[in-house]
């Protein structure tokens, strides 16, 4: 079992007030998010704990803490509302239609691409294909 990168107090420090149910589930979610981030790092060949130890400024540790707090906050938002936040919705009157798309309907712990990019786990890749040969290449 590895380190837990954030605490319940870290969640509260960013201005998030917690309900009793959230307060109860937060420690387990923080532990799960930390383990999941550690495994995601290994998947990309990055040892999160080693990077934290090597960064003398402490900035990397703060970034990791922020990512874990954000992931846990997303999961806990569903717990607080007893339902997911709608990310998109449509309504119609004729023929009675209502379509709603929910953000994080399963209350999953997940990391966004921007969060993984911030930690240096993924990078933007680009490439080009030469469509025709120039005189020198022919």
N, C-alpha and C. Protein backbone atom coordinates (compact mmCIF):
# COMPACT_ATOMS: atom_id res chain seq x y z
N UNK A 1 0.84 -1.18 0.00
CA UNK A 1 0.00 0.00 0.00
C UNK A 1 0.89 1.24 0.00
N UNK A 2 0.64 2.12 -0.94
CA UNK A 2 1.45 3.31 -1.09
C UNK A 2 0.89 4.50 -0.34
N UNK A 3 1.54 5.60 -0.54
CA UNK A 3 1.14 6.85 0.13
C UNK A 3 -0.20 7.35 -0.41
N UNK A 4 -0.94 8.01 0.46
CA UNK A 4 -2.15 8.71 0.06
C UNK A 4 -1.73 10.16 -0.18
N UNK A 5 -1.99 10.66 -1.37
CA UNK A 5 -1.46 11.94 -1.80
C UNK A 5 -2.22 13.16 -1.29
N UNK A 6 -3.39 12.98 -0.71
CA UNK A 6 -4.18 14.11 -0.22
C UNK A 6 -5.00 13.67 0.99
N UNK A 7 -5.49 14.63 1.73
CA UNK A 7 -6.30 14.36 2.92
C UNK A 7 -7.66 15.02 2.78
N UNK A 8 -8.54 14.69 3.69
CA UNK A 8 -9.87 15.32 3.72
C UNK A 8 -9.70 16.83 3.94
N UNK A 9 -8.72 17.22 4.76
CA UNK A 9 -8.47 18.64 5.00
C UNK A 9 -8.04 19.36 3.72
N UNK A 10 -7.33 18.65 2.82
CA UNK A 10 -6.95 19.25 1.54
C UNK A 10 -8.18 19.56 0.70
N UNK A 11 -9.17 18.69 0.76
CA UNK A 11 -10.42 18.93 0.02
C UNK A 11 -11.12 20.16 0.58
N UNK A 12 -11.17 20.25 1.90
CA UNK A 12 -11.82 21.40 2.55
C UNK A 12 -11.04 22.70 2.30
N UNK A 13 -9.72 22.59 2.18
CA UNK A 13 -8.87 23.77 2.00
C UNK A 13 -9.13 24.49 0.68
N UNK A 14 -9.66 23.76 -0.31
CA UNK A 14 -9.95 24.41 -1.60
C UNK A 14 -11.39 24.94 -1.64
N UNK A 15 -12.03 25.00 -0.47
CA UNK A 15 -13.35 25.63 -0.39
C UNK A 15 -14.52 24.69 -0.57
N UNK A 16 -14.28 23.40 -0.52
CA UNK A 16 -15.36 22.44 -0.69
C UNK A 16 -15.89 22.04 0.69
N UNK A 17 -17.17 22.32 0.92
CA UNK A 17 -17.77 21.88 2.17
C UNK A 17 -18.34 20.48 1.94
N UNK A 18 -18.17 19.61 2.91
CA UNK A 18 -18.56 18.22 2.76
C UNK A 18 -19.78 17.89 3.61
N UNK A 19 -20.67 17.10 3.04
CA UNK A 19 -21.80 16.59 3.80
C UNK A 19 -21.30 15.43 4.67
N UNK A 20 -22.15 14.94 5.54
CA UNK A 20 -21.75 13.82 6.40
C UNK A 20 -21.41 12.59 5.57
N UNK A 21 -22.19 12.33 4.52
CA UNK A 21 -21.93 11.17 3.66
C UNK A 21 -20.59 11.33 2.93
N UNK A 22 -20.31 12.54 2.47
CA UNK A 22 -19.04 12.79 1.77
C UNK A 22 -17.86 12.65 2.74
N UNK A 23 -18.04 13.18 3.94
CA UNK A 23 -16.99 13.12 4.96
C UNK A 23 -16.64 11.66 5.27
N UNK A 24 -17.65 10.81 5.27
CA UNK A 24 -17.45 9.40 5.55
C UNK A 24 -16.74 8.68 4.40
N UNK A 25 -17.08 9.02 3.18
CA UNK A 25 -16.50 8.32 2.02
C UNK A 25 -15.19 8.92 1.54
N UNK A 26 -14.86 10.13 1.93
CA UNK A 26 -13.67 10.82 1.42
C UNK A 26 -12.36 10.06 1.68
N UNK A 27 -12.10 9.55 2.89
CA UNK A 27 -10.81 8.86 3.09
C UNK A 27 -10.63 7.66 2.16
N UNK A 28 -11.66 6.88 1.97
CA UNK A 28 -11.55 5.72 1.08
C UNK A 28 -11.35 6.17 -0.36
N UNK A 29 -12.06 7.21 -0.78
CA UNK A 29 -11.91 7.72 -2.15
C UNK A 29 -10.51 8.29 -2.37
N UNK A 30 -9.96 8.98 -1.38
CA UNK A 30 -8.61 9.53 -1.50
C UNK A 30 -7.58 8.41 -1.63
N UNK A 31 -7.76 7.35 -0.87
CA UNK A 31 -6.86 6.21 -0.95
C UNK A 31 -6.96 5.54 -2.33
N UNK A 32 -8.19 5.37 -2.80
CA UNK A 32 -8.40 4.74 -4.11
C UNK A 32 -7.84 5.61 -5.24
N UNK A 33 -8.06 6.92 -5.16
CA UNK A 33 -7.56 7.82 -6.21
C UNK A 33 -6.04 7.82 -6.23
N UNK A 34 -5.42 7.79 -5.05
CA UNK A 34 -3.95 7.76 -4.98
C UNK A 34 -3.40 6.49 -5.61
N UNK A 35 -4.02 5.36 -5.28
CA UNK A 35 -3.58 4.08 -5.85
C UNK A 35 -3.79 4.06 -7.37
N UNK A 36 -4.93 4.57 -7.79
CA UNK A 36 -5.24 4.60 -9.23
C UNK A 36 -4.25 5.49 -9.99
N UNK A 37 -3.89 6.63 -9.39
CA UNK A 37 -2.93 7.52 -10.04
C UNK A 37 -1.55 6.86 -10.09
N UNK A 38 -1.17 6.18 -9.02
CA UNK A 38 0.11 5.48 -8.99
C UNK A 38 0.17 4.41 -10.09
N UNK A 39 -0.91 3.65 -10.24
CA UNK A 39 -0.97 2.62 -11.29
C UNK A 39 -1.00 3.22 -12.69
N UNK A 40 -1.70 4.35 -12.84
CA UNK A 40 -1.73 5.02 -14.13
C UNK A 40 -0.32 5.50 -14.50
N UNK A 41 0.40 6.01 -13.52
CA UNK A 41 1.78 6.42 -13.75
C UNK A 41 2.64 5.26 -14.22
N UNK A 42 2.50 4.12 -13.55
CA UNK A 42 3.27 2.93 -13.94
C UNK A 42 2.93 2.49 -15.36
N UNK A 43 1.66 2.64 -15.72
CA UNK A 43 1.23 2.28 -17.07
C UNK A 43 1.97 3.11 -18.12
N UNK A 44 2.30 4.36 -17.77
CA UNK A 44 3.02 5.25 -18.69
C UNK A 44 4.52 5.29 -18.40
N UNK A 45 4.99 4.40 -17.52
CA UNK A 45 6.42 4.33 -17.23
C UNK A 45 6.91 5.41 -16.29
N UNK A 46 6.03 5.95 -15.46
CA UNK A 46 6.40 7.02 -14.53
C UNK A 46 6.12 6.57 -13.11
N UNK A 47 7.12 6.68 -12.24
CA UNK A 47 6.94 6.38 -10.82
C UNK A 47 6.60 7.68 -10.11
N UNK A 48 5.32 7.84 -9.75
CA UNK A 48 4.85 9.09 -9.14
C UNK A 48 5.59 9.37 -7.84
N UNK A 49 5.74 8.34 -6.99
CA UNK A 49 6.41 8.54 -5.69
C UNK A 49 7.85 9.00 -5.88
N UNK A 50 8.54 8.43 -6.87
CA UNK A 50 9.93 8.82 -7.13
C UNK A 50 10.00 10.26 -7.62
N UNK A 51 9.09 10.63 -8.50
CA UNK A 51 9.08 12.03 -8.99
C UNK A 51 8.83 13.01 -7.85
N UNK A 52 7.95 12.64 -6.92
CA UNK A 52 7.69 13.51 -5.77
C UNK A 52 8.96 13.66 -4.94
N UNK A 53 9.67 12.55 -4.69
CA UNK A 53 10.92 12.60 -3.90
C UNK A 53 11.99 13.42 -4.60
N UNK A 54 12.07 13.32 -5.93
CA UNK A 54 13.13 14.00 -6.68
C UNK A 54 12.90 15.50 -6.85
N UNK A 55 11.66 15.95 -6.71
CA UNK A 55 11.34 17.37 -6.92
C UNK A 55 11.57 18.15 -5.63
N UNK A 56 12.71 18.83 -5.57
CA UNK A 56 13.08 19.58 -4.36
C UNK A 56 12.14 20.75 -4.08
N UNK A 57 11.52 21.30 -5.13
CA UNK A 57 10.66 22.47 -4.94
C UNK A 57 9.32 22.10 -4.29
N UNK A 58 8.91 20.85 -4.42
CA UNK A 58 7.61 20.43 -3.88
C UNK A 58 6.44 20.71 -4.80
N UNK A 59 6.72 21.29 -5.97
CA UNK A 59 5.65 21.62 -6.92
C UNK A 59 4.96 20.38 -7.46
N UNK A 60 5.74 19.33 -7.73
CA UNK A 60 5.15 18.11 -8.28
C UNK A 60 4.20 17.48 -7.26
N UNK A 61 4.59 17.48 -5.99
CA UNK A 61 3.73 16.93 -4.94
C UNK A 61 2.43 17.72 -4.84
N UNK A 62 2.51 19.04 -4.98
CA UNK A 62 1.30 19.87 -4.95
C UNK A 62 0.40 19.59 -6.15
N UNK A 63 1.02 19.38 -7.31
CA UNK A 63 0.24 19.06 -8.51
C UNK A 63 -0.46 17.71 -8.35
N UNK A 64 0.24 16.73 -7.80
CA UNK A 64 -0.36 15.41 -7.56
C UNK A 64 -1.52 15.54 -6.59
N UNK A 65 -1.31 16.30 -5.52
CA UNK A 65 -2.38 16.51 -4.53
C UNK A 65 -3.59 17.14 -5.19
N UNK A 66 -3.37 18.14 -6.02
CA UNK A 66 -4.46 18.83 -6.72
C UNK A 66 -5.24 17.87 -7.62
N UNK A 67 -4.54 17.03 -8.34
CA UNK A 67 -5.18 16.07 -9.25
C UNK A 67 -6.03 15.08 -8.46
N UNK A 68 -5.52 14.58 -7.35
CA UNK A 68 -6.26 13.63 -6.52
C UNK A 68 -7.49 14.31 -5.92
N UNK A 69 -7.32 15.52 -5.41
CA UNK A 69 -8.46 16.26 -4.83
C UNK A 69 -9.54 16.50 -5.88
N UNK A 70 -9.14 16.88 -7.09
CA UNK A 70 -10.11 17.13 -8.16
C UNK A 70 -10.87 15.86 -8.54
N UNK A 71 -10.16 14.74 -8.66
CA UNK A 71 -10.81 13.47 -9.01
C UNK A 71 -11.80 13.03 -7.93
N UNK A 72 -11.40 13.16 -6.69
CA UNK A 72 -12.28 12.78 -5.58
C UNK A 72 -13.47 13.73 -5.50
N UNK A 73 -13.25 15.01 -5.74
CA UNK A 73 -14.35 15.98 -5.72
C UNK A 73 -15.40 15.66 -6.78
N UNK A 74 -14.93 15.26 -7.96
CA UNK A 74 -15.88 14.88 -9.02
C UNK A 74 -16.73 13.69 -8.60
N UNK A 75 -16.09 12.70 -8.00
CA UNK A 75 -16.83 11.51 -7.56
C UNK A 75 -17.78 11.85 -6.41
N UNK A 76 -17.36 12.73 -5.52
CA UNK A 76 -18.19 13.06 -4.36
C UNK A 76 -19.36 13.98 -4.71
N UNK A 77 -19.27 14.71 -5.80
CA UNK A 77 -20.39 15.55 -6.22
C UNK A 77 -21.64 14.73 -6.44
N UNK A 78 -21.49 13.52 -6.94
CA UNK A 78 -22.63 12.64 -7.16
C UNK A 78 -23.21 12.18 -5.83
N UNK A 79 -22.34 11.91 -4.85
CA UNK A 79 -22.79 11.47 -3.53
C UNK A 79 -23.62 12.56 -2.87
N UNK A 80 -23.19 13.82 -3.01
CA UNK A 80 -23.88 14.93 -2.36
C UNK A 80 -25.27 15.16 -2.92
N UNK A 81 -25.44 14.92 -4.20
CA UNK A 81 -26.71 15.23 -4.85
C UNK A 81 -27.64 14.02 -4.97
N UNK A 82 -27.14 12.84 -4.67
CA UNK A 82 -27.87 11.59 -4.89
C UNK A 82 -28.24 11.41 -6.36
N UNK A 83 -27.57 12.14 -7.23
CA UNK A 83 -27.74 11.99 -8.66
C UNK A 83 -26.62 12.73 -9.36
N UNK A 84 -26.38 12.40 -10.58
CA UNK A 84 -25.29 13.03 -11.34
C UNK A 84 -25.70 14.41 -11.83
N UNK A 85 -24.70 15.21 -12.10
CA UNK A 85 -24.90 16.52 -12.69
C UNK A 85 -25.13 16.33 -14.18
N UNK A 86 -26.13 16.99 -14.69
CA UNK A 86 -26.40 16.90 -16.13
C UNK A 86 -25.38 17.74 -16.88
N UNK A 87 -24.76 17.14 -17.88
CA UNK A 87 -23.79 17.89 -18.69
C UNK A 87 -24.42 18.39 -19.98
N UNK A 88 -25.55 17.81 -20.34
CA UNK A 88 -26.23 18.22 -21.56
C UNK A 88 -27.69 17.78 -21.45
N UNK A 89 -28.59 18.58 -21.97
CA UNK A 89 -29.99 18.21 -21.92
C UNK A 89 -30.77 18.81 -23.07
N UNK A 90 -31.80 18.12 -23.49
CA UNK A 90 -32.70 18.61 -24.54
C UNK A 90 -34.12 18.33 -24.10
N UNK A 91 -35.00 19.21 -24.46
CA UNK A 91 -36.41 19.01 -24.16
C UNK A 91 -37.22 19.34 -25.41
N UNK A 92 -38.32 18.67 -25.59
CA UNK A 92 -39.25 18.96 -26.68
C UNK A 92 -40.65 18.93 -26.12
N UNK A 93 -41.54 19.62 -26.76
CA UNK A 93 -42.93 19.60 -26.31
C UNK A 93 -43.76 18.68 -27.20
N UNK A 94 -43.66 18.87 -28.51
CA UNK A 94 -44.40 18.01 -29.42
C UNK A 94 -43.87 16.59 -29.35
N UNK A 95 -44.67 15.63 -29.07
CA UNK A 95 -44.34 14.21 -28.93
C UNK A 95 -43.56 13.93 -27.64
N UNK A 96 -43.53 14.86 -26.73
CA UNK A 96 -42.96 14.68 -25.39
C UNK A 96 -41.59 14.00 -25.38
N UNK A 97 -40.56 14.71 -25.58
CA UNK A 97 -39.22 14.16 -25.61
C UNK A 97 -38.34 14.86 -24.58
N UNK A 98 -37.52 14.13 -23.89
CA UNK A 98 -36.55 14.68 -22.94
C UNK A 98 -35.31 13.82 -22.99
N UNK A 99 -34.17 14.42 -23.26
CA UNK A 99 -32.91 13.69 -23.31
C UNK A 99 -31.93 14.40 -22.39
N UNK A 100 -31.29 13.64 -21.53
CA UNK A 100 -30.31 14.21 -20.61
C UNK A 100 -29.06 13.34 -20.61
N UNK A 101 -27.92 13.99 -20.69
CA UNK A 101 -26.64 13.30 -20.58
C UNK A 101 -26.01 13.71 -19.26
N UNK A 102 -25.61 12.72 -18.48
CA UNK A 102 -25.07 13.00 -17.15
C UNK A 102 -23.55 12.93 -17.15
N UNK A 103 -22.95 13.84 -16.41
CA UNK A 103 -21.51 13.81 -16.21
C UNK A 103 -21.21 12.89 -15.04
N UNK A 104 -20.37 11.92 -15.25
CA UNK A 104 -19.94 10.99 -14.21
C UNK A 104 -21.12 10.29 -13.53
N UNK A 105 -21.97 9.71 -14.31
CA UNK A 105 -23.18 9.07 -13.79
C UNK A 105 -22.88 7.95 -12.80
N UNK A 106 -21.77 7.28 -12.94
CA UNK A 106 -21.43 6.17 -12.06
C UNK A 106 -20.60 6.57 -10.86
N UNK A 107 -20.41 7.85 -10.64
CA UNK A 107 -19.58 8.36 -9.53
C UNK A 107 -18.17 7.78 -9.58
N UNK A 108 -17.63 7.65 -10.77
CA UNK A 108 -16.31 7.05 -10.96
C UNK A 108 -15.19 8.02 -10.60
N UNK A 109 -14.10 7.44 -10.14
CA UNK A 109 -12.87 8.20 -9.97
C UNK A 109 -12.15 8.18 -11.30
N UNK A 110 -11.90 9.34 -11.87
CA UNK A 110 -11.17 9.37 -13.13
C UNK A 110 -10.31 10.62 -13.18
N UNK A 111 -9.29 10.56 -14.03
CA UNK A 111 -8.39 11.68 -14.22
C UNK A 111 -8.57 12.18 -15.65
N UNK A 112 -8.62 13.48 -15.82
CA UNK A 112 -8.79 14.04 -17.16
C UNK A 112 -7.45 14.01 -17.89
N UNK A 113 -7.51 14.15 -19.20
CA UNK A 113 -6.27 14.19 -19.99
C UNK A 113 -5.40 15.36 -19.56
N UNK A 114 -6.02 16.49 -19.26
CA UNK A 114 -5.24 17.66 -18.82
C UNK A 114 -4.52 17.39 -17.50
N UNK A 115 -5.17 16.66 -16.60
CA UNK A 115 -4.52 16.33 -15.33
C UNK A 115 -3.34 15.39 -15.56
N UNK A 116 -3.52 14.39 -16.41
CA UNK A 116 -2.42 13.47 -16.71
C UNK A 116 -1.29 14.18 -17.45
N UNK A 117 -1.64 15.12 -18.29
CA UNK A 117 -0.64 15.91 -19.01
C UNK A 117 0.14 16.79 -18.03
N UNK A 118 -0.56 17.38 -17.05
CA UNK A 118 0.07 18.22 -16.04
C UNK A 118 1.15 17.44 -15.28
N UNK A 119 0.88 16.17 -15.01
CA UNK A 119 1.82 15.35 -14.26
C UNK A 119 2.90 14.72 -15.15
N UNK A 120 2.84 15.00 -16.45
CA UNK A 120 3.84 14.49 -17.37
C UNK A 120 3.65 13.03 -17.73
N UNK A 121 2.43 12.53 -17.54
CA UNK A 121 2.18 11.12 -17.87
C UNK A 121 1.86 10.94 -19.34
N UNK A 122 1.16 11.88 -19.93
CA UNK A 122 0.89 11.81 -21.36
C UNK A 122 1.37 13.09 -22.01
N UNK A 123 1.69 12.98 -23.27
CA UNK A 123 2.16 14.14 -24.03
C UNK A 123 1.42 14.20 -25.34
N UNK A 124 1.31 15.40 -25.84
CA UNK A 124 0.68 15.55 -27.14
C UNK A 124 1.64 15.04 -28.21
N UNK A 125 1.12 14.29 -29.12
CA UNK A 125 1.95 13.70 -30.18
C UNK A 125 1.53 14.31 -31.51
N UNK A 126 2.49 14.60 -32.34
CA UNK A 126 2.17 15.10 -33.67
C UNK A 126 3.07 14.41 -34.67
N UNK A 127 2.67 14.44 -35.87
CA UNK A 127 3.48 13.82 -36.91
C UNK A 127 3.08 14.36 -38.27
N UNK A 128 3.85 14.01 -39.25
CA UNK A 128 3.56 14.44 -40.62
C UNK A 128 3.97 13.34 -41.57
N UNK A 129 3.28 13.28 -42.65
CA UNK A 129 3.58 12.31 -43.70
C UNK A 129 3.92 13.08 -44.96
N UNK A 130 5.05 12.76 -45.54
CA UNK A 130 5.43 13.41 -46.79
C UNK A 130 4.66 12.73 -47.91
N UNK A 131 3.85 13.48 -48.63
CA UNK A 131 2.97 12.91 -49.64
C UNK A 131 3.66 12.65 -50.97
N UNK A 132 4.70 13.38 -51.27
CA UNK A 132 5.40 13.15 -52.53
C UNK A 132 6.89 13.36 -52.29
N UNK A 133 7.64 12.73 -53.12
CA UNK A 133 9.10 12.83 -53.00
C UNK A 133 9.59 14.07 -53.72
N UNK A 134 10.55 14.74 -53.12
CA UNK A 134 11.17 15.88 -53.78
C UNK A 134 12.27 15.35 -54.71
N UNK A 135 12.87 16.22 -55.48
CA UNK A 135 13.90 15.81 -56.42
C UNK A 135 15.07 15.10 -55.78
N UNK A 136 15.44 15.52 -54.55
CA UNK A 136 16.58 14.91 -53.85
C UNK A 136 16.25 13.53 -53.32
N UNK A 137 14.97 13.30 -52.96
CA UNK A 137 14.57 12.03 -52.35
C UNK A 137 14.27 10.95 -53.39
N UNK A 138 14.05 11.32 -54.64
CA UNK A 138 13.60 10.36 -55.65
C UNK A 138 14.66 9.42 -56.08
